[in-house]
N, C-alpha and C. Protein backbone atom coordinates (compact mmCIF):
# COMPACT_ATOMS: atom_id res chain seq x y z
N MET A 1 4.44 9.88 17.34
CA MET A 1 4.60 8.36 16.77
C MET A 1 5.31 8.24 17.41
N SER A 2 4.98 6.57 17.20
CA SER A 2 6.12 5.32 18.05
C SER A 2 6.64 4.43 17.18
N ILE A 3 7.52 4.02 16.84
CA ILE A 3 7.99 3.48 16.20
C ILE A 3 8.73 2.65 16.57
N HIS A 4 8.36 1.08 17.15
CA HIS A 4 9.65 0.85 17.84
C HIS A 4 10.53 -0.47 17.56
N THR A 5 12.19 -0.30 17.46
CA THR A 5 13.13 -0.94 17.32
C THR A 5 12.58 -2.12 17.92
N ASN A 6 13.30 -3.37 16.64
CA ASN A 6 13.02 -5.31 17.13
C ASN A 6 14.17 -4.91 17.67
N LEU A 7 13.96 -5.77 18.70
CA LEU A 7 14.76 -6.17 19.59
C LEU A 7 15.03 -7.38 19.33
N LEU A 8 14.89 -7.95 18.74
CA LEU A 8 15.42 -9.96 18.38
C LEU A 8 16.63 -9.25 16.48
N GLY A 9 16.92 -7.75 16.80
CA GLY A 9 17.87 -7.96 15.66
C GLY A 9 17.49 -8.34 14.77
N GLY A 10 16.89 -7.93 14.29
CA GLY A 10 15.84 -7.88 12.49
C GLY A 10 16.32 -6.96 11.88
N PRO A 11 15.56 -6.88 11.10
CA PRO A 11 15.81 -5.55 9.85
C PRO A 11 15.11 -4.46 10.89
N GLU A 12 15.49 -3.25 10.14
CA GLU A 12 14.74 -1.42 10.99
C GLU A 12 13.26 -1.71 10.54
N PRO A 13 12.26 -1.17 10.24
CA PRO A 13 11.59 -0.26 10.33
C PRO A 13 12.15 0.47 9.03
N THR A 14 11.48 -0.06 8.02
CA THR A 14 11.53 1.09 6.63
C THR A 14 10.83 2.15 6.56
N LEU A 15 10.87 3.12 6.85
CA LEU A 15 9.98 4.50 6.79
C LEU A 15 10.08 5.13 5.84
N LEU A 16 9.40 5.06 4.37
CA LEU A 16 9.42 5.10 2.79
C LEU A 16 8.70 7.20 2.74
N PRO A 17 9.73 7.54 2.14
CA PRO A 17 9.91 9.06 1.80
C PRO A 17 8.26 10.21 2.33
N GLU A 18 8.14 11.12 2.46
CA GLU A 18 7.29 11.87 2.71
C GLU A 18 7.49 13.43 1.09
N ASP A 19 5.92 13.40 -0.02
CA ASP A 19 5.86 14.28 -0.43
C ASP A 19 4.18 15.35 0.31
N GLU A 20 5.02 15.91 0.24
CA GLU A 20 3.44 16.50 0.57
C GLU A 20 2.42 16.92 -0.23
N GLN A 21 2.80 17.91 -1.51
CA GLN A 21 2.01 17.57 -2.51
C GLN A 21 1.27 16.96 -2.88
N PRO A 22 1.49 15.85 -3.20
CA PRO A 22 -0.19 14.87 -3.13
C PRO A 22 -1.04 14.62 -2.68
N TYR A 23 -0.53 15.03 -0.83
CA TYR A 23 -1.17 14.71 0.15
C TYR A 23 -2.01 15.42 -0.10
N ARG A 24 -1.61 17.38 -0.41
CA ARG A 24 -2.62 18.43 -0.18
C ARG A 24 -3.08 18.23 -1.05
N LEU A 25 -2.76 18.04 -2.21
CA LEU A 25 -3.94 18.16 -4.07
C LEU A 25 -5.26 17.08 -3.72
N LEU A 26 -4.92 16.29 -2.39
CA LEU A 26 -5.84 15.38 -3.09
C LEU A 26 -6.84 16.01 -0.76
N ALA A 27 -6.71 16.01 -0.23
CA ALA A 27 -7.55 16.94 0.98
C ALA A 27 -7.78 18.00 0.14
N GLU A 28 -7.12 18.57 -0.63
CA GLU A 28 -8.23 19.95 -0.10
C GLU A 28 -9.36 19.36 -1.91
N GLN A 29 -8.39 18.38 -2.03
CA GLN A 29 -9.62 17.88 -3.31
C GLN A 29 -9.68 18.74 -4.38
N SER A 30 -8.40 19.38 -4.95
CA SER A 30 -7.90 20.45 -6.11
C SER A 30 -7.32 18.68 -7.08
N ALA A 31 -7.52 17.75 -6.89
CA ALA A 31 -7.91 16.92 -7.97
C ALA A 31 -7.69 15.68 -7.58
N SER A 32 -8.10 14.72 -8.03
CA SER A 32 -9.03 13.51 -8.41
C SER A 32 -7.27 12.15 -8.15
N PRO A 33 -7.89 11.07 -7.82
CA PRO A 33 -6.75 9.87 -7.33
C PRO A 33 -6.88 10.02 -8.83
N VAL A 34 -6.87 9.73 -10.32
CA VAL A 34 -6.05 9.99 -10.71
C VAL A 34 -5.66 10.43 -12.06
N GLN A 35 -6.14 11.92 -10.79
CA GLN A 35 -4.71 13.22 -11.57
C GLN A 35 -3.26 12.88 -10.73
N VAL A 36 -3.98 12.45 -9.60
CA VAL A 36 -2.64 12.34 -8.58
C VAL A 36 -1.90 11.56 -9.60
N ALA A 37 -2.41 9.72 -9.45
CA ALA A 37 -1.75 9.03 -10.23
C ALA A 37 -1.06 9.43 -11.09
N ALA A 38 -1.68 10.05 -11.99
CA ALA A 38 -0.99 10.73 -13.84
C ALA A 38 0.28 11.50 -12.97
N ASP A 39 0.18 12.52 -12.17
CA ASP A 39 1.01 13.44 -11.83
C ASP A 39 1.76 12.62 -11.23
N PHE A 40 1.36 11.93 -9.99
CA PHE A 40 2.81 10.84 -8.95
C PHE A 40 2.99 10.03 -9.45
N PRO A 41 3.07 9.04 -10.02
CA PRO A 41 2.94 7.97 -10.55
C PRO A 41 3.35 6.88 -9.15
N THR A 42 4.66 7.31 -8.47
CA THR A 42 5.16 6.52 -7.78
C THR A 42 4.42 6.61 -5.82
N PHE A 43 3.34 7.21 -6.22
CA PHE A 43 2.79 7.74 -5.39
C PHE A 43 1.70 6.37 -4.83
N SER A 44 1.82 5.77 -3.98
CA SER A 44 1.01 4.53 -3.97
C SER A 44 -0.83 4.68 -3.67
N LEU A 45 -0.63 5.64 -2.41
CA LEU A 45 -1.75 6.24 -2.19
C LEU A 45 -2.75 6.30 -3.17
N ALA A 46 -2.36 7.05 -3.95
CA ALA A 46 -4.12 7.37 -4.73
C ALA A 46 -4.07 6.12 -5.69
N TRP A 47 -3.09 5.04 -5.50
CA TRP A 47 -3.37 3.34 -6.49
C TRP A 47 -4.57 3.38 -6.10
N ALA A 48 -4.16 3.12 -4.57
CA ALA A 48 -4.96 2.39 -3.33
C ALA A 48 -6.55 2.49 -3.57
N MET A 49 -6.36 4.21 -3.13
CA MET A 49 -7.32 5.03 -3.99
C MET A 49 -8.30 4.41 -4.80
N LEU A 50 -7.57 4.33 -5.99
CA LEU A 50 -8.22 4.33 -7.40
C LEU A 50 -8.49 2.42 -7.14
N ALA A 51 -8.25 1.45 -6.40
CA ALA A 51 -8.78 0.67 -6.41
C ALA A 51 -9.53 0.33 -5.38
N ASP A 52 -9.53 0.82 -4.46
CA ASP A 52 -10.56 1.12 -3.54
C ASP A 52 -12.13 1.03 -3.76
N ASP A 53 -11.91 2.69 -5.11
CA ASP A 53 -13.02 2.80 -5.76
C ASP A 53 -13.22 2.18 -6.75
N ALA A 54 -12.61 1.36 -7.49
CA ALA A 54 -13.02 0.20 -8.88
C ALA A 54 -13.41 -1.26 -8.13
N PHE A 55 -13.26 -1.62 -6.53
CA PHE A 55 -13.86 -2.35 -5.86
C PHE A 55 -15.07 -2.40 -5.60
N THR A 56 -15.12 -1.44 -5.25
CA THR A 56 -16.50 -0.93 -4.28
C THR A 56 -17.75 -0.94 -5.61
N GLU A 57 -17.62 -0.15 -6.69
CA GLU A 57 -18.26 -0.36 -8.40
C GLU A 57 -18.04 -1.52 -8.54
N ASP A 58 -17.23 -2.85 -8.31
CA ASP A 58 -17.75 -4.16 -8.47
C ASP A 58 -17.06 -4.39 -10.16
N HIS A 59 -15.46 -3.47 -9.88
CA HIS A 59 -14.98 -2.95 -10.95
C HIS A 59 -13.25 -3.94 -10.51
N VAL A 60 -13.88 -5.91 -10.83
CA VAL A 60 -13.02 -5.94 -9.62
C VAL A 60 -11.57 -6.35 -10.61
N VAL A 61 -11.47 -7.04 -11.51
CA VAL A 61 -10.53 -6.49 -12.61
C VAL A 61 -9.34 -4.92 -12.28
N GLU A 62 -10.35 -4.21 -12.89
CA GLU A 62 -9.53 -2.78 -12.80
C GLU A 62 -8.68 -2.57 -11.37
N SER A 63 -10.40 -2.93 -10.04
CA SER A 63 -9.08 -2.96 -9.14
C SER A 63 -7.74 -3.61 -9.17
N TYR A 64 -7.50 -4.90 -8.91
CA TYR A 64 -6.59 -6.00 -8.92
C TYR A 64 -5.65 -5.06 -9.98
N ALA A 65 -5.86 -4.27 -11.79
CA ALA A 65 -4.81 -3.60 -12.07
C ALA A 65 -4.55 -2.04 -11.56
N TYR A 66 -5.11 -2.14 -10.61
CA TYR A 66 -5.17 -0.83 -9.57
C TYR A 66 -3.62 -0.68 -8.77
N ALA A 67 -4.37 -1.95 -8.33
CA ALA A 67 -3.74 -2.50 -6.67
C ALA A 67 -1.94 -3.51 -7.17
N ARG A 68 -2.30 -3.56 -8.52
CA ARG A 68 -1.38 -4.46 -8.87
C ARG A 68 -0.37 -2.73 -9.19
N THR A 69 -0.33 -1.95 -9.76
CA THR A 69 0.59 -0.79 -9.94
C THR A 69 1.12 -0.03 -9.00
N GLY A 70 -0.10 0.27 -7.73
CA GLY A 70 0.77 1.34 -6.47
C GLY A 70 1.04 0.11 -5.87
N TYR A 71 1.23 -1.65 -5.54
CA TYR A 71 1.67 -2.38 -4.29
C TYR A 71 3.12 -2.74 -5.40
N HIS A 72 3.20 -2.23 -6.93
CA HIS A 72 5.05 -2.34 -7.23
C HIS A 72 5.92 -1.16 -7.39
N ARG A 73 5.11 -0.44 -7.52
CA ARG A 73 5.42 0.82 -7.55
C ARG A 73 5.41 1.17 -5.77
N GLY A 74 5.01 0.82 -5.04
CA GLY A 74 5.47 1.00 -3.68
C GLY A 74 6.70 -0.24 -3.16
N LEU A 75 6.80 -1.04 -3.59
CA LEU A 75 7.84 -1.74 -4.01
C LEU A 75 9.10 -1.67 -4.01
N ASP A 76 9.35 -0.52 -5.36
CA ASP A 76 10.40 0.32 -5.73
C ASP A 76 11.01 1.20 -4.92
N ALA A 77 9.64 1.40 -3.74
CA ALA A 77 9.84 3.41 -3.05
C ALA A 77 10.35 2.13 -2.34
N LEU A 78 10.67 1.74 -1.72
CA LEU A 78 10.59 0.57 -0.41
C LEU A 78 12.18 0.42 -0.27
N ARG A 79 12.99 -0.05 -1.64
CA ARG A 79 13.78 -0.78 -2.55
C ARG A 79 14.49 0.43 -1.97
N ARG A 80 14.13 1.91 -2.46
CA ARG A 80 14.69 2.61 -2.69
C ARG A 80 14.83 3.06 -0.88
N ALA A 81 14.05 2.92 -0.09
CA ALA A 81 14.83 3.05 1.18
C ALA A 81 15.12 2.22 2.29
N GLY A 82 16.15 1.56 1.18
CA GLY A 82 17.18 0.66 2.05
C GLY A 82 16.38 -1.23 2.25
N TRP A 83 14.96 -0.87 1.95
CA TRP A 83 14.16 -2.85 2.86
C TRP A 83 14.80 -3.40 1.78
N LYS A 84 15.21 -4.74 2.64
CA LYS A 84 15.98 -5.84 1.42
C LYS A 84 15.05 -6.72 1.54
N GLY A 85 13.66 -6.76 1.35
CA GLY A 85 12.60 -7.81 1.20
C GLY A 85 12.28 -8.83 2.46
N HIS A 86 12.12 -8.08 3.56
CA HIS A 86 11.63 -8.17 4.90
C HIS A 86 11.93 -7.19 5.58
N GLY A 87 10.80 -7.16 6.94
CA GLY A 87 10.89 -6.56 7.73
C GLY A 87 10.11 -5.60 8.29
N PRO A 88 9.76 -4.72 8.85
CA PRO A 88 8.04 -4.24 9.27
C PRO A 88 8.32 -3.32 8.64
N VAL A 89 7.40 -2.53 7.36
CA VAL A 89 7.13 -1.33 7.32
C VAL A 89 5.84 -0.99 8.10
N PRO A 90 5.88 -0.18 8.95
CA PRO A 90 4.86 0.26 10.06
C PRO A 90 3.49 1.22 9.48
N TRP A 91 2.64 0.57 9.49
CA TRP A 91 1.19 1.91 9.04
C TRP A 91 1.07 2.52 9.85
N GLU A 92 1.95 3.44 11.25
CA GLU A 92 2.49 4.68 11.46
C GLU A 92 2.73 5.40 10.89
N HIS A 93 3.72 5.41 10.52
CA HIS A 93 3.94 6.10 8.79
C HIS A 93 2.93 6.70 8.13
N ARG A 94 2.50 7.65 8.15
CA ARG A 94 1.76 7.91 6.92
C ARG A 94 2.72 7.25 5.28
N ALA A 95 3.56 8.08 4.91
CA ALA A 95 4.09 7.14 4.03
C ALA A 95 3.91 6.59 3.76
N ASN A 96 4.10 5.51 4.82
CA ASN A 96 4.02 3.66 4.41
C ASN A 96 2.24 2.96 3.76
N ARG A 97 1.31 4.28 4.47
CA ARG A 97 -0.03 3.44 4.39
C ARG A 97 -0.94 2.90 2.89
N GLY A 98 0.10 4.07 1.91
CA GLY A 98 -0.67 3.97 0.83
C GLY A 98 -0.19 2.29 -0.22
N PHE A 99 1.20 1.83 0.47
CA PHE A 99 2.10 0.83 -0.48
C PHE A 99 0.93 -0.31 0.43
N LEU A 100 0.72 -0.71 1.57
CA LEU A 100 0.31 -0.92 2.58
C LEU A 100 -1.34 -1.18 2.27
N ARG A 101 -1.40 -0.10 2.03
CA ARG A 101 -3.53 -0.40 1.40
C ARG A 101 -3.19 -1.22 -0.14
N CYS A 102 -2.39 -0.71 -0.56
CA CYS A 102 -2.38 -1.65 -2.03
C CYS A 102 -2.60 -2.61 -2.05
N LEU A 103 -0.95 -3.59 -1.15
CA LEU A 103 -0.89 -4.79 -1.00
C LEU A 103 -2.71 -5.35 -0.41
N ALA A 104 -3.55 -4.48 0.88
CA ALA A 104 -4.80 -5.21 1.07
C ALA A 104 -5.26 -5.41 0.06
N ALA A 105 -5.56 -3.85 -1.01
CA ALA A 105 -6.10 -4.10 -1.92
C ALA A 105 -6.09 -5.40 -3.41
N LEU A 106 -4.89 -5.61 -3.10
CA LEU A 106 -4.36 -6.65 -4.07
C LEU A 106 -4.74 -8.35 -3.56
N ALA A 107 -4.55 -7.97 -2.34
CA ALA A 107 -5.32 -9.12 -1.83
C ALA A 107 -7.00 -9.33 -1.58
N ARG A 108 -7.30 -8.37 -1.25
CA ARG A 108 -8.76 -8.12 -1.82
C ARG A 108 -9.19 -8.43 -3.71
N ALA A 109 -8.40 -8.56 -3.77
CA ALA A 109 -8.99 -8.31 -5.86
C ALA A 109 -8.90 -9.85 -5.78
N ALA A 110 -7.71 -9.83 -5.67
CA ALA A 110 -6.94 -11.58 -6.19
C ALA A 110 -8.12 -12.47 -5.45
N GLU A 111 -8.40 -12.95 -4.02
CA GLU A 111 -9.57 -13.14 -3.72
C GLU A 111 -10.99 -13.22 -4.53
N ALA A 112 -11.29 -11.98 -5.24
CA ALA A 112 -12.14 -11.84 -6.24
C ALA A 112 -12.28 -12.84 -7.22
N ILE A 113 -11.29 -12.36 -7.56
CA ILE A 113 -10.79 -13.38 -9.13
C ILE A 113 -9.81 -14.55 -8.95
N LYS A 114 -10.78 -15.10 -7.85
CA LYS A 114 -10.04 -16.58 -7.55
C LYS A 114 -8.80 -17.12 -7.61
N GLU A 115 -7.99 -16.35 -7.36
CA GLU A 115 -6.54 -16.07 -7.10
C GLU A 115 -5.80 -16.26 -5.69
N THR A 116 -6.35 -17.87 -4.89
CA THR A 116 -6.36 -17.89 -4.25
C THR A 116 -4.59 -18.19 -3.11
N ASP A 117 -3.64 -18.50 -4.07
CA ASP A 117 -2.51 -18.17 -3.30
C ASP A 117 -1.58 -17.37 -3.15
N GLU A 118 -2.51 -16.32 -4.00
CA GLU A 118 -1.60 -14.38 -4.66
C GLU A 118 -2.37 -14.46 -3.54
N ALA A 119 -3.68 -14.10 -3.38
CA ALA A 119 -4.34 -13.67 -1.97
C ALA A 119 -3.84 -14.04 -0.72
N GLU A 120 -3.40 -15.32 -0.48
CA GLU A 120 -2.87 -15.40 0.93
C GLU A 120 -0.88 -15.35 0.69
N ARG A 121 -0.68 -15.12 0.23
CA ARG A 121 0.52 -14.60 0.09
C ARG A 121 0.61 -13.32 0.41
N CYS A 122 -0.47 -12.04 -0.45
CA CYS A 122 -0.39 -10.65 0.13
C CYS A 122 -1.81 -10.81 1.53
N TRP A 123 -1.66 -11.76 1.88
CA TRP A 123 -2.13 -11.19 3.52
C TRP A 123 -1.55 -11.25 4.11
N SER A 124 -0.64 -12.29 3.90
CA SER A 124 1.16 -12.99 5.00
C SER A 124 1.77 -12.03 4.91
N PHE A 125 2.54 -11.27 3.25
CA PHE A 125 3.22 -10.09 3.41
C PHE A 125 2.53 -8.92 3.95
N LEU A 126 1.57 -8.92 4.04
CA LEU A 126 0.53 -7.41 5.16
C LEU A 126 0.98 -7.64 6.31
N LYS A 127 0.38 -8.94 7.20
CA LYS A 127 0.54 -9.22 8.91
C LYS A 127 2.19 -9.14 9.22
N ASP A 128 3.34 -9.80 7.95
CA ASP A 128 4.29 -9.61 8.37
C ASP A 128 4.95 -7.96 8.79
N SER A 129 4.54 -7.61 7.22
CA SER A 129 5.03 -5.99 7.20
C SER A 129 4.26 -4.70 7.98
N SER A 130 2.77 -5.52 8.56
CA SER A 130 2.66 -4.34 9.54
C SER A 130 1.11 -5.10 10.05
N PRO A 131 1.60 -5.84 11.36
CA PRO A 131 0.38 -6.66 12.01
C PRO A 131 -0.98 -5.01 12.58
N GLU A 132 -0.54 -4.17 12.36
CA GLU A 132 -1.36 -3.03 12.60
C GLU A 132 -2.15 -2.67 11.18
N ALA A 133 -1.71 -2.66 10.14
CA ALA A 133 -2.11 -2.66 9.27
C ALA A 133 -2.98 -3.85 8.69
N TYR A 134 -2.76 -5.24 8.53
CA TYR A 134 -3.49 -6.12 8.52
C TYR A 134 -4.55 -6.08 9.92
N ALA A 135 -4.41 -5.65 10.63
CA ALA A 135 -6.17 -6.03 11.35
C ALA A 135 -7.11 -4.30 11.26
N GLU A 136 -6.28 -3.58 10.46
CA GLU A 136 -7.15 -2.29 9.97
C GLU A 136 -7.36 -2.45 8.74
N LEU A 137 -6.30 -3.06 8.04
CA LEU A 137 -7.03 -3.51 6.33
C LEU A 137 -8.04 -4.69 6.25
N LYS A 138 -7.57 -5.48 6.57
CA LYS A 138 -8.84 -7.41 6.46
C LYS A 138 -9.73 -6.97 7.15
N ARG A 139 -11.28 -6.39 6.78
CA ARG A 139 -11.88 -6.78 7.04
C ARG A 139 -13.27 -7.55 5.77
């Protein structure tokens, strides 16, 4: 994995800490995203999975709520990791992906409920944080 330093003097990339246990539970399918979110409420990936599942099932309000929860949990984690409200949050770093997926899910659900300003802010935030995540998730 290669995460490049900002040569223009901006903030260093923020890398969230990894917790292997929730990843393992999801990979082994020994726990559902609901169980993982309940047992590891700061693990944004579980919230992103719930948001995606709800959106797929046309439960847009529930998707919005799951995405917002994971987004706020992710913001808290970013701040604890030294993030100051701006700067890169690399998609390449596995632990960042839950937050970035929640941000995209929130934008998508906001669009669906006609919260256009919020959707635009979320897409811009995603693009500014990780152009790679934006390219991957804005489909």
